[in-house]
Amino acid sequence: MNLDEKSLFLDAMEDVQPLKLCHDVHWQPVRNSRTRQQIDTLQLDNFLTTGFLDIIPLDTPLEFRREGLQTGVLDKLRLGKYRQQDSLNLLHQPVEKCRQQLFAFIRQAQRDGLRNLLIIHGKGKEEAAHANIIRSYLARWLTEFEEVQAFCCAKPHHGGSGACYVALRKSAAARLENSERHAKRSR
């Protein structure tokens, strides 16, 4: 601190009076008025990406099939032959909320042993519409789940191009039950 700065400081502090010693003052701890946020441990493991996005043209239907899945399974899925066991509505939701809901939905469906799902994402009239952005993200996110075997556009009575059917891999318990059922037939 040079001489000019020191003199400025002393001039500014000239009329300041020291506090009296008060022994009867009791300090209360400061209470945090904000509520604590609960950490969603499920979302800590959320691997779904939200970076650069290739927007899918409106006239391109959503469709995906894992290597090794029979084409007949995708055909039945496309025709709506499988009963939908649960559904998720992503209409008018922000991208991050859709990401979180989809992750939780697929994980819960796995735990419940569900195989066939319906996801409603909406449809926009323009390529840059929010519904088409969600649709494009959904196409990317579903392929990031190893458990997703296939997905395609839904039938008109389930939402048409504004929704998609999703087929999940069989759980270990379902595979065991299936093999036991077929083993009993062959005896």
Protein backbone atom coordinates (compact mmCIF):
# COMPACT_ATOMS: atom_id res chain seq x y z
CA MET A 1 0.00 0.00 0.00
CA ASN A 2 1.61 3.33 -1.01
CA LEU A 3 1.32 6.59 0.91
CA ASP A 4 -1.60 7.94 -1.20
CA GLU A 5 -3.66 4.75 -0.74
CA LYS A 6 -2.99 4.73 3.02
CA SER A 7 -4.06 8.35 3.42
CA LEU A 8 -7.24 7.71 1.38
CA PHE A 9 -8.06 4.72 3.59
CA LEU A 10 -7.49 6.67 6.81
CA ASP A 11 -9.63 9.55 5.52
CA ALA A 12 -12.45 7.13 4.67
CA MET A 13 -12.26 5.46 8.10
CA GLU A 14 -12.00 8.72 10.10
CA ASP A 15 -15.55 8.72 11.53
CA VAL A 16 -15.79 4.98 12.20
CA GLN A 17 -16.34 4.07 15.88
CA PRO A 18 -15.27 0.67 17.29
CA LEU A 19 -18.03 -1.63 18.53
CA LYS A 20 -18.62 -1.89 22.27
CA LEU A 21 -17.92 -5.21 23.90
CA CYS A 22 -21.29 -6.89 24.42
CA HIS A 23 -21.33 -10.09 26.38
CA ASP A 24 -25.09 -10.53 26.34
CA VAL A 25 -25.31 -11.06 22.56
CA HIS A 26 -26.01 -14.65 21.55
CA TRP A 27 -25.33 -15.53 17.95
CA GLN A 28 -27.75 -17.88 16.28
CA PRO A 29 -26.43 -20.16 13.57
CA VAL A 30 -27.55 -19.11 10.13
CA ARG A 31 -30.27 -21.35 8.84
CA ASN A 32 -30.20 -22.22 5.20
CA SER A 33 -33.54 -21.09 3.81
CA ARG A 34 -33.11 -23.15 0.63
CA THR A 35 -34.37 -26.69 0.67
CA ARG A 36 -31.81 -29.35 0.03
CA GLN A 37 -32.02 -30.92 -3.37
CA GLN A 38 -32.45 -34.63 -3.40
CA ILE A 39 -29.87 -36.33 -5.55
CA ASP A 40 -31.54 -38.65 -8.00
CA THR A 41 -29.17 -41.60 -7.86
CA LEU A 42 -30.84 -43.16 -10.88
CA GLN A 43 -29.93 -40.14 -13.01
CA LEU A 44 -26.28 -40.29 -11.93
CA ASP A 45 -25.95 -43.37 -14.14
CA ASN A 46 -27.86 -41.80 -17.05
CA PHE A 47 -25.65 -42.33 -20.09
CA LEU A 48 -27.99 -40.78 -22.67
CA THR A 49 -26.22 -38.06 -24.67
CA THR A 50 -27.57 -34.63 -25.54
CA GLY A 51 -24.74 -33.24 -27.67
CA PHE A 52 -24.82 -32.61 -31.42
CA LEU A 53 -28.00 -33.91 -33.02
CA ASP A 54 -28.76 -34.98 -36.58
CA ILE A 55 -32.39 -34.00 -37.04
CA ILE A 56 -34.37 -36.75 -38.73
CA PRO A 57 -36.48 -35.47 -41.65
CA LEU A 58 -40.23 -35.55 -41.05
CA ASP A 59 -40.85 -37.93 -43.94
CA THR A 60 -38.35 -40.51 -42.60
CA PRO A 61 -40.10 -43.00 -40.30
CA LEU A 62 -38.37 -44.04 -37.08
CA GLU A 63 -37.09 -47.58 -37.33
CA PHE A 64 -34.29 -49.61 -35.80
CA ARG A 65 -33.46 -53.30 -35.49
CA ARG A 66 -30.52 -54.84 -33.65
CA GLU A 67 -28.25 -57.24 -35.46
CA GLY A 68 -29.54 -60.78 -35.05
CA LEU A 69 -33.17 -59.87 -34.45
CA GLN A 70 -35.50 -61.69 -36.81
CA THR A 71 -37.21 -59.51 -39.40
CA GLY A 72 -40.53 -61.15 -38.50
CA VAL A 73 -40.29 -59.66 -35.01
CA LEU A 74 -39.86 -56.16 -36.48
CA ASP A 75 -42.73 -56.80 -38.92
CA LYS A 76 -45.04 -57.83 -36.04
CA LEU A 77 -43.91 -54.81 -34.05
CA ARG A 78 -44.59 -52.50 -37.00
CA LEU A 79 -48.07 -54.01 -37.45
CA GLY A 80 -48.88 -53.51 -33.76
CA LYS A 81 -49.31 -57.25 -33.12
CA TYR A 82 -47.61 -57.09 -29.71
CA ARG A 83 -49.69 -55.86 -26.77
CA GLN A 84 -48.30 -52.63 -25.32
CA GLN A 85 -47.46 -53.25 -21.68
CA ASP A 86 -46.68 -49.64 -20.70
CA SER A 87 -46.41 -46.20 -22.27
CA LEU A 88 -44.52 -42.94 -21.79
CA ASN A 89 -45.80 -39.52 -22.87
CA LEU A 90 -43.05 -37.01 -23.77
CA LEU A 91 -45.34 -34.37 -25.27
CA HIS A 92 -44.38 -30.73 -24.58
CA GLN A 93 -41.50 -31.70 -22.26
CA PRO A 94 -38.03 -30.05 -22.31
CA VAL A 95 -35.24 -32.19 -23.78
CA GLU A 96 -33.52 -32.78 -20.45
CA LYS A 97 -36.75 -33.87 -18.78
CA CYS A 98 -37.46 -36.24 -21.70
CA ARG A 99 -33.95 -37.67 -21.30
CA GLN A 100 -34.48 -38.30 -17.59
CA GLN A 101 -37.98 -39.72 -18.00
CA LEU A 102 -36.93 -42.06 -20.81
CA PHE A 103 -33.98 -43.38 -18.82
CA ALA A 104 -36.12 -44.02 -15.74
CA PHE A 105 -38.92 -45.52 -17.87
CA ILE A 106 -36.68 -48.03 -19.67
CA ARG A 107 -34.92 -49.03 -16.43
CA GLN A 108 -38.28 -49.56 -14.67
CA ALA A 109 -39.61 -51.57 -17.63
CA GLN A 110 -36.55 -53.82 -17.38
CA ARG A 111 -37.04 -54.34 -13.65
CA ASP A 112 -40.71 -55.16 -14.26
CA GLY A 113 -39.85 -57.60 -17.05
CA LEU A 114 -41.80 -55.68 -19.70
CA ARG A 115 -41.08 -56.32 -23.37
CA ASN A 116 -43.28 -54.00 -25.45
CA LEU A 117 -43.60 -50.29 -24.84
CA LEU A 118 -45.22 -47.29 -26.47
CA ILE A 119 -43.48 -43.90 -26.38
CA ILE A 120 -45.46 -40.84 -27.48
CA HIS A 121 -43.16 -38.05 -28.68
CA GLY A 122 -45.50 -35.94 -30.80
CA LYS A 123 -45.14 -34.73 -34.36
CA GLY A 124 -44.27 -31.32 -35.66
CA LYS A 125 -45.11 -29.62 -38.94
CA GLU A 126 -41.57 -28.34 -39.44
CA GLU A 127 -38.16 -30.01 -39.21
CA ALA A 128 -37.04 -27.65 -36.43
CA ALA A 129 -40.25 -28.12 -34.38
CA HIS A 130 -39.78 -29.18 -30.77
CA ALA A 131 -41.61 -32.47 -31.35
CA ASN A 132 -39.21 -33.37 -34.18
CA ILE A 133 -36.21 -32.50 -31.99
CA ILE A 134 -37.53 -34.86 -29.30
CA ARG A 135 -38.24 -37.48 -31.96
CA SER A 136 -34.66 -37.22 -33.25
CA TYR A 137 -33.21 -37.44 -29.75
CA LEU A 138 -35.46 -40.40 -29.00
CA ALA A 139 -34.14 -42.25 -32.05
CA ARG A 140 -30.59 -41.71 -30.79
CA TRP A 141 -31.32 -42.49 -27.14
CA LEU A 142 -33.15 -45.74 -27.81
CA THR A 143 -30.19 -47.11 -29.76
CA GLU A 144 -27.93 -46.30 -26.77
CA PHE A 145 -29.82 -48.85 -24.63
CA GLU A 146 -28.48 -52.38 -25.14
CA GLU A 147 -31.84 -53.70 -23.96
CA VAL A 148 -33.74 -52.09 -26.85
CA GLN A 149 -34.02 -54.69 -29.59
CA ALA A 150 -36.10 -52.68 -32.04
CA PHE A 151 -38.35 -49.68 -32.43
CA CYS A 152 -40.62 -48.35 -35.17
CA CYS A 153 -43.51 -45.94 -35.80
CA ALA A 154 -46.78 -46.78 -34.11
CA LYS A 155 -50.07 -47.57 -35.80
CA PRO A 156 -52.45 -44.59 -36.28
CA HIS A 157 -54.68 -45.58 -33.34
CA HIS A 158 -51.61 -45.40 -31.04
CA GLY A 159 -50.31 -42.08 -32.38
CA GLY A 160 -48.93 -42.88 -35.84
CA SER A 161 -45.74 -40.99 -36.64
CA GLY A 162 -46.05 -39.13 -33.32
CA ALA A 163 -45.35 -42.30 -31.33
CA CYS A 164 -43.19 -45.39 -31.55
CA TYR A 165 -43.31 -49.00 -30.46
CA VAL A 166 -40.26 -50.26 -28.57
CA ALA A 167 -39.31 -53.91 -28.12
CA LEU A 168 -37.03 -54.75 -25.20
CA ARG A 169 -34.80 -57.79 -24.76
CA LYS A 170 -36.21 -60.64 -22.68
CA SER A 171 -35.16 -60.66 -19.05
CA ALA A 172 -33.20 -63.62 -17.69
CA ALA A 173 -36.28 -64.77 -15.76
CA ALA A 174 -38.45 -64.67 -18.91
CA ARG A 175 -35.85 -66.66 -20.87
CA LEU A 176 -35.71 -69.29 -18.13
CA GLU A 177 -39.51 -69.52 -17.97
CA ASN A 178 -39.69 -69.83 -21.76
CA SER A 179 -37.09 -72.61 -21.88
CA GLU A 180 -38.86 -74.49 -19.09
CA ARG A 181 -42.20 -74.19 -20.88
CA HIS A 182 -40.72 -75.54 -24.13
CA ALA A 183 -38.83 -78.29 -22.30
CA LYS A 184 -42.11 -79.54 -20.80
CA ARG A 185 -43.71 -79.77 -24.25
CA SER A 186 -40.91 -81.91 -25.63
CA ARG A 187 -41.17 -84.56 -22.90
